[in-house]
Each structure stands twice: as C-alpha cells, then as structure tokens.
Amino acid sequence: MLKYSENSTYESPEAIRADLTFAKLLHSYELNIVPGKENKSPSTKWSEWQTERQTEEFVEEKFSVEGYDGFCIICGTGSGNLLAFDVDSKNHPNPEQYKTEVLRSFKKILPADFPVIETPSGGYHILVKCENG
C-alpha cells in the first residue's frame, strides 16, 4: 500500500484534500487506485478495476472522505497493463543484500527510471507497464 504521507492521519480536511490531490495525480498517470487499510487490504471492492478504467468521479468519491490509511494501486489492463513485482525480503537470511541483488538485476533489463515503492514490510514493489496485456 502506498502512503502519501507517513504523518497524515487522514482525518483532517487538509489531509483529505492533499490525499485527493495525490489520488488524482495517480489517476492522471492512468493508474486505477482504491483506498487502503492499514493492513494493506483495499477498503472497497476492486476486482473490476483490473480490467476497467476508473473515472475521475470515482476517485473523487472514494478519496473525499475519511476512513482509509493509504492507496492501493490496481494492476492489470485497467491501469494500462500495469504489472507489479513484489520483492519480499523479510524471510531472507540477508534481506538487504537480497534487495540489492534483485534491484541490480532489474536495472539490467528496465529503463533507468523505473518506479520502486518501498512496502510497509520493508520490501519493494517494482512497477512496470507492459505493451501487451
């Protein structure tokens, strides 16, 4: 789950407006998103967004209220053929070395500016858009 701000409580009107702005930014990058809970699960149904594109009105409706802890980006054709690689290193004997090796391998095959998002558990999500779904 992606958080806009580690300090945001998502309860004040200012925090909700900032999150709505961030949600609209993610949507403008052709990403389907839904609010997420602290346990990293979506706070609303999401499976239809794997194949269908969300409207900006949907994003405004979902992110104009309180009661969520972050953002869940939905992979699939609805997000322009987005694919996420989940690099989970918490059970590896040497987590930092493992993450470094995985990122080095991805750098050999992906553009230099590919997005890497740190997960709450200390791993990474590597986001890639594919030409064909």
C-alpha atoms as a PDB file:
ATOM      1  CA  MET A   1       0.000   0.000   0.000  1.00  0.00           C
ATOM      2  CA  LEU A   2       1.232   3.448  -0.892  1.00  0.00           C
ATOM      3  CA  LYS A   3       1.025   6.275   1.638  1.00  0.00           C
ATOM      4  CA  TYR A   4       1.157   9.898   0.577  1.00  0.00           C
ATOM      5  CA  SER A   5       2.484  10.979   3.971  1.00  0.00           C
ATOM      6  CA  GLU A   6       3.650   8.937   6.924  1.00  0.00           C
ATOM      7  CA  ASN A   7       2.377  11.704   9.238  1.00  0.00           C
ATOM      8  CA  SER A   8      -1.063  12.060   7.715  1.00  0.00           C
ATOM      9  CA  THR A   9      -3.944  10.895   9.881  1.00  0.00           C
ATOM     10  CA  TYR A  10      -6.425  11.147   7.003  1.00  0.00           C
ATOM     11  CA  GLU A  11      -8.881  12.697   9.459  1.00  0.00           C
ATOM     12  CA  SER A  12      -8.407  16.418   8.937  1.00  0.00           C
ATOM     13  CA  PRO A  13      -9.974  18.225   5.962  1.00  0.00           C
ATOM     14  CA  GLU A  14      -6.475  19.390   4.918  1.00  0.00           C
ATOM     15  CA  ALA A  15      -5.131  15.820   4.860  1.00  0.00           C
ATOM     16  CA  ILE A  16      -8.129  14.598   2.878  1.00  0.00           C
ATOM     17  CA  ARG A  17      -7.679  17.397   0.299  1.00  0.00           C
ATOM     18  CA  ALA A  18      -3.949  16.572  -0.024  1.00  0.00           C
ATOM     19  CA  ASP A  19      -4.767  12.887  -0.480  1.00  0.00           C
ATOM     20  CA  LEU A  20      -7.428  13.686  -3.063  1.00  0.00           C
ATOM     21  CA  THR A  21      -4.857  15.726  -4.989  1.00  0.00           C
ATOM     22  CA  PHE A  22      -2.396  12.820  -4.808  1.00  0.00           C
ATOM     23  CA  ALA A  23      -5.115  10.343  -5.830  1.00  0.00           C
ATOM     24  CA  LYS A  24      -5.954  12.484  -8.856  1.00  0.00           C
ATOM     25  CA  LEU A  25      -2.257  12.624  -9.755  1.00  0.00           C
ATOM     26  CA  LEU A  26      -2.001   8.817  -9.665  1.00  0.00           C
ATOM     27  CA  HIS A  27      -5.196   8.596 -11.736  1.00  0.00           C
ATOM     28  CA  SER A  28      -3.717  11.025 -14.283  1.00  0.00           C
ATOM     29  CA  TYR A  29      -0.860   8.541 -14.780  1.00  0.00           C
ATOM     30  CA  GLU A  30      -3.507   6.035 -15.921  1.00  0.00           C
ATOM     31  CA  LEU A  31      -3.398   4.117 -12.647  1.00  0.00           C
ATOM     32  CA  ASN A  32      -6.529   2.706 -11.053  1.00  0.00           C
ATOM     33  CA  ILE A  33      -6.464   3.177  -7.294  1.00  0.00           C
ATOM     34  CA  VAL A  34      -8.636   2.449  -4.287  1.00  0.00           C
ATOM     35  CA  PRO A  35      -8.314   3.470  -0.635  1.00  0.00           C
ATOM     36  CA  GLY A  36      -6.396   1.020   1.527  1.00  0.00           C
ATOM     37  CA  LYS A  37      -6.496  -0.050   5.151  1.00  0.00           C
ATOM     38  CA  GLU A  38      -3.507  -0.183   7.488  1.00  0.00           C
ATOM     39  CA  ASN A  39      -3.286  -3.966   6.979  1.00  0.00           C
ATOM     40  CA  LYS A  40      -2.633  -3.273   3.245  1.00  0.00           C
ATOM     41  CA  SER A  41      -6.019  -4.537   2.105  1.00  0.00           C
ATOM     42  CA  PRO A  42      -8.318  -2.429  -0.086  1.00  0.00           C
ATOM     43  CA  SER A  43     -11.180  -0.758   1.760  1.00  0.00           C
ATOM     44  CA  THR A  44     -13.569  -1.212  -1.172  1.00  0.00           C
ATOM     45  CA  LYS A  45     -14.247  -3.728  -3.934  1.00  0.00           C
ATOM     46  CA  TRP A  46     -11.525  -3.532  -6.568  1.00  0.00           C
ATOM     47  CA  SER A  47     -11.538  -6.533  -8.918  1.00  0.00           C
ATOM     48  CA  GLU A  48     -13.480  -4.749 -11.687  1.00  0.00           C
ATOM     49  CA  TRP A  49     -10.689  -2.143 -11.880  1.00  0.00           C
ATOM     50  CA  GLN A  50      -8.227  -4.778 -13.072  1.00  0.00           C
ATOM     51  CA  THR A  51      -9.865  -4.562 -16.495  1.00  0.00           C
ATOM     52  CA  GLU A  52     -11.949  -1.357 -16.498  1.00  0.00           C
ATOM     53  CA  ARG A  53     -10.641   2.227 -16.335  1.00  0.00           C
ATOM     54  CA  GLN A  54     -11.885   4.297 -13.397  1.00  0.00           C
ATOM     55  CA  THR A  55     -13.476   7.682 -13.845  1.00  0.00           C
ATOM     56  CA  GLU A  56     -12.172  10.769 -12.096  1.00  0.00           C
ATOM     57  CA  GLU A  57     -15.574  10.995 -10.383  1.00  0.00           C
ATOM     58  CA  PHE A  58     -14.979   7.574  -8.807  1.00  0.00           C
ATOM     59  CA  VAL A  59     -11.606   8.718  -7.497  1.00  0.00           C
ATOM     60  CA  GLU A  60     -13.117  11.926  -6.090  1.00  0.00           C
ATOM     61  CA  GLU A  61     -15.892   9.982  -4.375  1.00  0.00           C
ATOM     62  CA  LYS A  62     -13.569   7.435  -2.754  1.00  0.00           C
ATOM     63  CA  PHE A  63     -10.845   9.869  -1.645  1.00  0.00           C
ATOM     64  CA  SER A  64     -13.054  12.760  -0.486  1.00  0.00           C
ATOM     65  CA  VAL A  65     -13.956  11.046   2.784  1.00  0.00           C
ATOM     66  CA  GLU A  66     -12.003   9.856   5.797  1.00  0.00           C
ATOM     67  CA  GLY A  67     -11.547   6.290   6.912  1.00  0.00           C
ATOM     68  CA  TYR A  68      -8.601   4.965   4.916  1.00  0.00           C
ATOM     69  CA  ASP A  69      -4.875   4.661   5.570  1.00  0.00           C
ATOM     70  CA  GLY A  70      -3.275   4.812   2.127  1.00  0.00           C
ATOM     71  CA  PHE A  71      -3.568   3.982  -1.558  1.00  0.00           C
ATOM     72  CA  CYS A  72      -3.782   0.627  -3.313  1.00  0.00           C
ATOM     73  CA  ILE A  73      -2.713   0.657  -6.968  1.00  0.00           C
ATOM     74  CA  ILE A  74      -4.608  -1.911  -9.039  1.00  0.00           C
ATOM     75  CA  CYS A  75      -2.603  -3.814 -11.666  1.00  0.00           C
ATOM     76  CA  GLY A  76      -3.981  -5.046 -14.984  1.00  0.00           C
ATOM     77  CA  THR A  77      -5.325  -3.703 -18.240  1.00  0.00           C
ATOM     78  CA  GLY A  78      -7.447  -1.099 -16.420  1.00  0.00           C
ATOM     79  CA  SER A  79      -4.196   0.573 -15.362  1.00  0.00           C
ATOM     80  CA  GLY A  80      -2.600   0.436 -18.811  1.00  0.00           C
ATOM     81  CA  ASN A  81      -1.238  -3.112 -18.466  1.00  0.00           C
ATOM     82  CA  LEU A  82       0.462  -2.395 -15.142  1.00  0.00           C
ATOM     83  CA  LEU A  83       2.438  -5.231 -13.604  1.00  0.00           C
ATOM     84  CA  ALA A  84       3.985  -5.213 -10.124  1.00  0.00           C
ATOM     85  CA  PHE A  85       6.870  -7.360  -8.942  1.00  0.00           C
ATOM     86  CA  ASP A  86       6.719  -7.937  -5.191  1.00  0.00           C
ATOM     87  CA  VAL A  87      10.209  -8.200  -3.708  1.00  0.00           C
ATOM     88  CA  ASP A  88       9.726  -9.521  -0.192  1.00  0.00           C
ATOM     89  CA  SER A  89      12.953  -9.957   1.715  1.00  0.00           C
ATOM     90  CA  LYS A  90      11.848 -10.247   5.352  1.00  0.00           C
ATOM     91  CA  ASN A  91      12.359 -14.042   5.439  1.00  0.00           C
ATOM     92  CA  HIS A  92      15.687 -13.987   3.582  1.00  0.00           C
ATOM     93  CA  PRO A  93      18.833 -14.598   5.700  1.00  0.00           C
ATOM     94  CA  ASN A  94      20.375 -11.350   4.388  1.00  0.00           C
ATOM     95  CA  PRO A  95      17.458  -9.062   3.420  1.00  0.00           C
ATOM     96  CA  GLU A  96      19.492  -6.008   2.392  1.00  0.00           C
ATOM     97  CA  GLN A  97      21.835  -7.998   0.161  1.00  0.00           C
ATOM     98  CA  TYR A  98      18.863  -9.775  -1.424  1.00  0.00           C
ATOM     99  CA  LYS A  99      17.065  -6.492  -2.197  1.00  0.00           C
ATOM    100  CA  THR A 100      20.263  -5.005  -3.649  1.00  0.00           C
ATOM    101  CA  GLU A 101      20.793  -8.030  -5.903  1.00  0.00           C
ATOM    102  CA  VAL A 102      17.177  -8.024  -7.106  1.00  0.00           C
ATOM    103  CA  LEU A 103      17.253  -4.292  -7.898  1.00  0.00           C
ATOM    104  CA  ARG A 104      20.584  -4.709  -9.719  1.00  0.00           C
ATOM    105  CA  SER A 105      19.024  -7.467 -11.851  1.00  0.00           C
ATOM    106  CA  PHE A 106      16.020  -5.292 -12.726  1.00  0.00           C
ATOM    107  CA  LYS A 107      18.281  -2.369 -13.646  1.00  0.00           C
ATOM    108  CA  LYS A 108      19.832  -4.555 -16.348  1.00  0.00           C
ATOM    109  CA  ILE A 109      16.507  -5.047 -18.148  1.00  0.00           C
ATOM    110  CA  LEU A 110      14.364  -1.989 -17.292  1.00  0.00           C
ATOM    111  CA  PRO A 111      14.692   1.749 -18.004  1.00  0.00           C
ATOM    112  CA  ALA A 112      16.799   3.671 -15.505  1.00  0.00           C
ATOM    113  CA  ASP A 113      13.796   5.498 -14.038  1.00  0.00           C
ATOM    114  CA  PHE A 114      11.559   2.500 -13.302  1.00  0.00           C
ATOM    115  CA  PRO A 115       9.443   3.121 -10.176  1.00  0.00           C
ATOM    116  CA  VAL A 116      10.293   1.291  -6.978  1.00  0.00           C
ATOM    117  CA  ILE A 117       7.963   1.655  -3.998  1.00  0.00           C
ATOM    118  CA  GLU A 118       9.041   0.542  -0.544  1.00  0.00           C
ATOM    119  CA  THR A 119       6.400  -1.580   1.157  1.00  0.00           C
ATOM    120  CA  PRO A 120       5.395  -1.342   4.842  1.00  0.00           C
ATOM    121  CA  SER A 121       7.214  -4.650   5.491  1.00  0.00           C
ATOM    122  CA  GLY A 122      10.492  -3.262   4.106  1.00  0.00           C
ATOM    123  CA  GLY A 123      10.339  -4.939   0.712  1.00  0.00           C
ATOM    124  CA  TYR A 124       9.710  -3.351  -2.673  1.00  0.00           C
ATOM    125  CA  HIS A 125       7.116  -3.206  -5.402  1.00  0.00           C
ATOM    126  CA  ILE A 126       8.616  -2.649  -8.838  1.00  0.00           C
ATOM    127  CA  LEU A 127       6.026  -1.242 -11.248  1.00  0.00           C
ATOM    128  CA  VAL A 128       6.191  -1.920 -14.983  1.00  0.00           C
ATOM    129  CA  LYS A 129       3.764  -1.135 -17.800  1.00  0.00           C
ATOM    130  CA  CYS A 130       3.704  -3.822 -20.489  1.00  0.00           C
ATOM    131  CA  GLU A 131       2.950  -3.212 -24.145  1.00  0.00           C
ATOM    132  CA  ASN A 132       0.562  -6.173 -24.385  1.00  0.00           C
ATOM    133  CA  GLY A 133      -1.737  -7.170 -21.525  1.00  0.00           C
END
